[in-house]
Amino acid sequence: MRSRYSAYVLGLIDYLVATWHPSTAPGDLELQPVKWLGLEVRHAASSGDVGVVEFVARCKISGRAERMHELSRFVREQGRWYYIDGQVPQES
């Protein structure tokens, strides 16, 4: 998760696509202009070759503060972790 966040910060589209599982990867990936401010990993767990990471990423878009809260799913294949998808967790 941290490496993918860093790739977003640095605009490394090739890395993001390479770490996205082929079954859910977008054909083309275009990054919007975003100033990333920080990442907080709230929870990470794995069971065998399946993992989940809950995180909050802070950023500024067009000068406005935003936060992205996601529960991301990953799968490990041949020793490498791949991003599957994410969803916004329900706030309690």
N, C-alpha and C. Protein backbone atom coordinates (compact mmCIF):
# COMPACT_ATOMS: atom_id res chain seq x y z
N MET A 1 0.83 -1.18 0.00
CA MET A 1 0.00 0.00 0.00
C MET A 1 0.87 1.25 0.00
N ARG A 2 1.89 1.24 0.83
CA ARG A 2 2.74 2.43 0.91
C ARG A 2 3.46 2.69 -0.41
N SER A 3 3.87 1.63 -1.09
CA SER A 3 4.57 1.83 -2.36
C SER A 3 3.61 2.39 -3.42
N ARG A 4 2.36 1.97 -3.40
CA ARG A 4 1.39 2.51 -4.36
C ARG A 4 1.08 3.98 -4.06
N TYR A 5 0.99 4.33 -2.77
CA TYR A 5 0.79 5.74 -2.41
C TYR A 5 1.97 6.56 -2.92
N SER A 6 3.18 6.08 -2.70
CA SER A 6 4.37 6.80 -3.17
C SER A 6 4.35 6.95 -4.69
N ALA A 7 3.88 5.92 -5.39
CA ALA A 7 3.79 6.00 -6.85
C ALA A 7 2.79 7.07 -7.28
N TYR A 8 1.68 7.20 -6.55
CA TYR A 8 0.73 8.28 -6.85
C TYR A 8 1.39 9.64 -6.62
N VAL A 9 2.10 9.78 -5.51
CA VAL A 9 2.77 11.05 -5.20
C VAL A 9 3.75 11.43 -6.30
N LEU A 10 4.50 10.44 -6.78
CA LEU A 10 5.54 10.69 -7.79
C LEU A 10 5.03 10.60 -9.23
N GLY A 11 3.78 10.22 -9.40
CA GLY A 11 3.21 10.12 -10.75
C GLY A 11 3.73 8.94 -11.56
N LEU A 12 4.06 7.84 -10.88
CA LEU A 12 4.63 6.66 -11.54
C LEU A 12 3.53 5.75 -12.06
N ILE A 13 2.94 6.11 -13.18
CA ILE A 13 1.82 5.36 -13.75
C ILE A 13 2.21 3.92 -14.07
N ASP A 14 3.39 3.69 -14.63
CA ASP A 14 3.82 2.33 -14.97
C ASP A 14 3.84 1.43 -13.74
N TYR A 15 4.31 1.95 -12.61
CA TYR A 15 4.34 1.15 -11.38
C TYR A 15 2.92 0.84 -10.90
N LEU A 16 2.05 1.84 -10.95
CA LEU A 16 0.67 1.62 -10.51
C LEU A 16 -0.01 0.54 -11.35
N VAL A 17 0.16 0.60 -12.65
CA VAL A 17 -0.43 -0.41 -13.53
C VAL A 17 0.19 -1.78 -13.27
N ALA A 18 1.49 -1.84 -13.04
CA ALA A 18 2.19 -3.12 -12.81
C ALA A 18 1.77 -3.77 -11.50
N THR A 19 1.30 -2.98 -10.53
CA THR A 19 0.90 -3.53 -9.23
C THR A 19 -0.62 -3.67 -9.11
N TRP A 20 -1.32 -3.45 -10.20
CA TRP A 20 -2.77 -3.59 -10.26
C TRP A 20 -3.07 -4.96 -10.86
N HIS A 21 -3.93 -5.74 -10.24
CA HIS A 21 -4.25 -7.07 -10.75
C HIS A 21 -4.88 -6.95 -12.14
N PRO A 22 -4.42 -7.76 -13.10
CA PRO A 22 -4.94 -7.66 -14.47
C PRO A 22 -6.46 -7.80 -14.58
N SER A 23 -7.09 -8.50 -13.65
CA SER A 23 -8.55 -8.69 -13.72
C SER A 23 -9.33 -7.42 -13.43
N THR A 24 -8.71 -6.43 -12.79
CA THR A 24 -9.41 -5.20 -12.45
C THR A 24 -8.68 -3.94 -12.90
N ALA A 25 -7.51 -4.10 -13.50
CA ALA A 25 -6.70 -2.95 -13.90
C ALA A 25 -7.39 -2.15 -15.01
N PRO A 26 -7.29 -0.83 -14.92
CA PRO A 26 -7.85 0.00 -16.00
C PRO A 26 -6.97 -0.14 -17.25
N GLY A 27 -7.57 0.01 -18.40
CA GLY A 27 -6.78 -0.06 -19.63
C GLY A 27 -5.73 1.04 -19.67
N ASP A 28 -6.18 2.25 -19.47
CA ASP A 28 -5.29 3.41 -19.42
C ASP A 28 -5.50 4.09 -18.08
N LEU A 29 -4.43 4.61 -17.55
CA LEU A 29 -4.52 5.30 -16.26
C LEU A 29 -4.02 6.71 -16.44
N GLU A 30 -4.84 7.66 -16.09
CA GLU A 30 -4.47 9.06 -16.17
C GLU A 30 -4.60 9.66 -14.77
N LEU A 31 -3.55 10.28 -14.28
CA LEU A 31 -3.57 10.87 -12.95
C LEU A 31 -3.95 12.34 -13.02
N GLN A 32 -4.86 12.72 -12.14
CA GLN A 32 -5.27 14.11 -12.05
C GLN A 32 -4.24 14.88 -11.22
N PRO A 33 -4.15 16.20 -11.43
CA PRO A 33 -3.22 16.98 -10.62
C PRO A 33 -3.67 17.05 -9.16
N VAL A 34 -2.91 16.40 -8.31
CA VAL A 34 -3.23 16.31 -6.88
C VAL A 34 -1.95 16.54 -6.10
N LYS A 35 -2.03 17.29 -5.01
CA LYS A 35 -0.90 17.45 -4.10
C LYS A 35 -1.17 16.54 -2.91
N TRP A 36 -0.42 15.44 -2.84
CA TRP A 36 -0.59 14.47 -1.76
C TRP A 36 0.11 14.98 -0.51
N LEU A 37 -0.55 14.86 0.65
CA LEU A 37 -0.05 15.41 1.90
C LEU A 37 0.33 14.37 2.95
N GLY A 38 -0.18 13.16 2.81
CA GLY A 38 0.16 12.15 3.81
C GLY A 38 -0.71 10.92 3.73
N LEU A 39 -0.20 9.85 4.31
CA LEU A 39 -0.89 8.56 4.32
C LEU A 39 -0.91 8.02 5.74
N GLU A 40 -2.09 7.59 6.18
CA GLU A 40 -2.24 6.92 7.46
C GLU A 40 -2.81 5.53 7.18
N VAL A 41 -2.04 4.49 7.47
CA VAL A 41 -2.55 3.13 7.35
C VAL A 41 -3.21 2.80 8.68
N ARG A 42 -4.51 2.60 8.66
CA ARG A 42 -5.26 2.36 9.89
C ARG A 42 -5.29 0.89 10.27
N HIS A 43 -5.27 0.02 9.30
CA HIS A 43 -5.34 -1.40 9.59
C HIS A 43 -4.85 -2.18 8.37
N ALA A 44 -4.11 -3.23 8.61
CA ALA A 44 -3.68 -4.12 7.53
C ALA A 44 -3.74 -5.54 8.06
N ALA A 45 -4.26 -6.44 7.24
CA ALA A 45 -4.37 -7.84 7.64
C ALA A 45 -4.27 -8.71 6.40
N SER A 46 -3.74 -9.91 6.59
CA SER A 46 -3.71 -10.86 5.48
C SER A 46 -4.00 -12.24 6.02
N SER A 47 -4.55 -13.05 5.14
CA SER A 47 -4.83 -14.45 5.42
C SER A 47 -4.42 -15.22 4.18
N GLY A 48 -3.29 -15.90 4.29
CA GLY A 48 -2.78 -16.59 3.10
C GLY A 48 -2.38 -15.59 2.04
N ASP A 49 -2.99 -15.70 0.88
CA ASP A 49 -2.64 -14.83 -0.25
C ASP A 49 -3.66 -13.72 -0.49
N VAL A 50 -4.45 -13.39 0.53
CA VAL A 50 -5.44 -12.33 0.42
C VAL A 50 -5.16 -11.31 1.52
N GLY A 51 -5.19 -10.03 1.17
CA GLY A 51 -4.92 -8.99 2.15
C GLY A 51 -5.88 -7.83 2.03
N VAL A 52 -6.03 -7.11 3.13
CA VAL A 52 -6.89 -5.93 3.18
C VAL A 52 -6.12 -4.83 3.91
N VAL A 53 -6.21 -3.61 3.39
CA VAL A 53 -5.57 -2.46 4.02
C VAL A 53 -6.60 -1.33 4.09
N GLU A 54 -6.79 -0.80 5.29
CA GLU A 54 -7.62 0.39 5.45
C GLU A 54 -6.69 1.58 5.62
N PHE A 55 -6.94 2.61 4.82
CA PHE A 55 -6.05 3.78 4.89
C PHE A 55 -6.84 5.07 4.69
N VAL A 56 -6.19 6.16 5.10
CA VAL A 56 -6.68 7.50 4.80
C VAL A 56 -5.51 8.26 4.19
N ALA A 57 -5.74 8.77 2.98
CA ALA A 57 -4.73 9.59 2.30
C ALA A 57 -5.27 11.02 2.24
N ARG A 58 -4.43 11.96 2.63
CA ARG A 58 -4.82 13.38 2.60
C ARG A 58 -4.18 14.04 1.39
N CYS A 59 -4.94 14.97 0.78
CA CYS A 59 -4.42 15.65 -0.40
C CYS A 59 -5.10 17.00 -0.57
N LYS A 60 -4.60 17.76 -1.53
CA LYS A 60 -5.24 19.01 -1.94
C LYS A 60 -5.52 18.89 -3.44
N ILE A 61 -6.77 19.20 -3.79
CA ILE A 61 -7.19 19.21 -5.18
C ILE A 61 -7.71 20.61 -5.47
N SER A 62 -7.05 21.29 -6.42
CA SER A 62 -7.41 22.67 -6.74
C SER A 62 -7.41 23.55 -5.50
N GLY A 63 -6.43 23.31 -4.61
CA GLY A 63 -6.28 24.11 -3.40
C GLY A 63 -7.22 23.73 -2.26
N ARG A 64 -8.07 22.75 -2.48
CA ARG A 64 -9.05 22.36 -1.47
C ARG A 64 -8.61 21.06 -0.79
N ALA A 65 -8.62 21.04 0.53
CA ALA A 65 -8.22 19.85 1.29
C ALA A 65 -9.24 18.74 1.10
N GLU A 66 -8.74 17.55 0.85
CA GLU A 66 -9.59 16.36 0.66
C GLU A 66 -8.94 15.20 1.43
N ARG A 67 -9.73 14.15 1.63
CA ARG A 67 -9.18 12.93 2.19
C ARG A 67 -9.84 11.75 1.51
N MET A 68 -9.05 10.74 1.28
CA MET A 68 -9.53 9.52 0.64
C MET A 68 -9.43 8.40 1.66
N HIS A 69 -10.57 7.87 2.06
CA HIS A 69 -10.63 6.78 3.04
C HIS A 69 -11.07 5.54 2.27
N GLU A 70 -10.23 4.50 2.28
CA GLU A 70 -10.53 3.32 1.47
C GLU A 70 -10.15 2.05 2.21
N LEU A 71 -10.90 1.01 1.91
CA LEU A 71 -10.59 -0.35 2.35
C LEU A 71 -10.18 -1.09 1.06
N SER A 72 -8.88 -1.32 0.91
CA SER A 72 -8.34 -1.90 -0.32
C SER A 72 -8.12 -3.39 -0.18
N ARG A 73 -8.43 -4.12 -1.25
CA ARG A 73 -8.19 -5.56 -1.28
C ARG A 73 -6.99 -5.86 -2.18
N PHE A 74 -6.15 -6.79 -1.70
CA PHE A 74 -4.97 -7.21 -2.44
C PHE A 74 -4.93 -8.73 -2.53
N VAL A 75 -4.22 -9.23 -3.53
CA VAL A 75 -4.01 -10.67 -3.65
C VAL A 75 -2.53 -10.88 -3.98
N ARG A 76 -1.96 -11.97 -3.42
CA ARG A 76 -0.56 -12.28 -3.68
C ARG A 76 -0.51 -13.42 -4.70
N GLU A 77 0.24 -13.18 -5.77
CA GLU A 77 0.45 -14.19 -6.81
C GLU A 77 1.94 -14.26 -7.12
N GLN A 78 2.48 -15.44 -7.09
CA GLN A 78 3.90 -15.67 -7.36
C GLN A 78 4.78 -14.72 -6.53
N GLY A 79 4.39 -14.56 -5.26
CA GLY A 79 5.19 -13.78 -4.33
C GLY A 79 5.01 -12.28 -4.40
N ARG A 80 4.16 -11.77 -5.30
CA ARG A 80 3.94 -10.32 -5.42
C ARG A 80 2.51 -9.96 -5.08
N TRP A 81 2.33 -8.84 -4.38
CA TRP A 81 1.00 -8.36 -4.03
C TRP A 81 0.46 -7.47 -5.14
N TYR A 82 -0.82 -7.66 -5.46
CA TYR A 82 -1.50 -6.87 -6.49
C TYR A 82 -2.77 -6.27 -5.91
N TYR A 83 -3.00 -5.01 -6.25
CA TYR A 83 -4.22 -4.31 -5.85
C TYR A 83 -5.39 -4.86 -6.66
N ILE A 84 -6.47 -5.21 -5.98
CA ILE A 84 -7.68 -5.70 -6.65
C ILE A 84 -8.69 -4.55 -6.80
N ASP A 85 -9.13 -4.02 -5.68
CA ASP A 85 -10.10 -2.91 -5.71
C ASP A 85 -10.21 -2.33 -4.31
N GLY A 86 -11.04 -1.31 -4.20
CA GLY A 86 -11.24 -0.68 -2.90
C GLY A 86 -12.65 -0.17 -2.77
N GLN A 87 -13.05 0.00 -1.55
CA GLN A 87 -14.37 0.57 -1.28
C GLN A 87 -14.26 1.52 -0.10
N VAL A 88 -15.19 2.45 -0.05
CA VAL A 88 -15.24 3.41 1.05
C VAL A 88 -15.93 2.73 2.21
N PRO A 89 -15.24 2.61 3.36
CA PRO A 89 -15.87 1.96 4.52
C PRO A 89 -17.01 2.82 5.07
N GLN A 90 -18.00 2.15 5.61
CA GLN A 90 -19.11 2.87 6.22
C GLN A 90 -18.62 3.51 7.51
N GLU A 91 -18.94 4.76 7.68
CA GLU A 91 -18.57 5.47 8.90
C GLU A 91 -19.52 5.07 10.02
N SER A 92 -18.99 4.89 11.22
CA SER A 92 -19.86 4.52 12.33
C SER A 92 -20.22 5.71 13.18
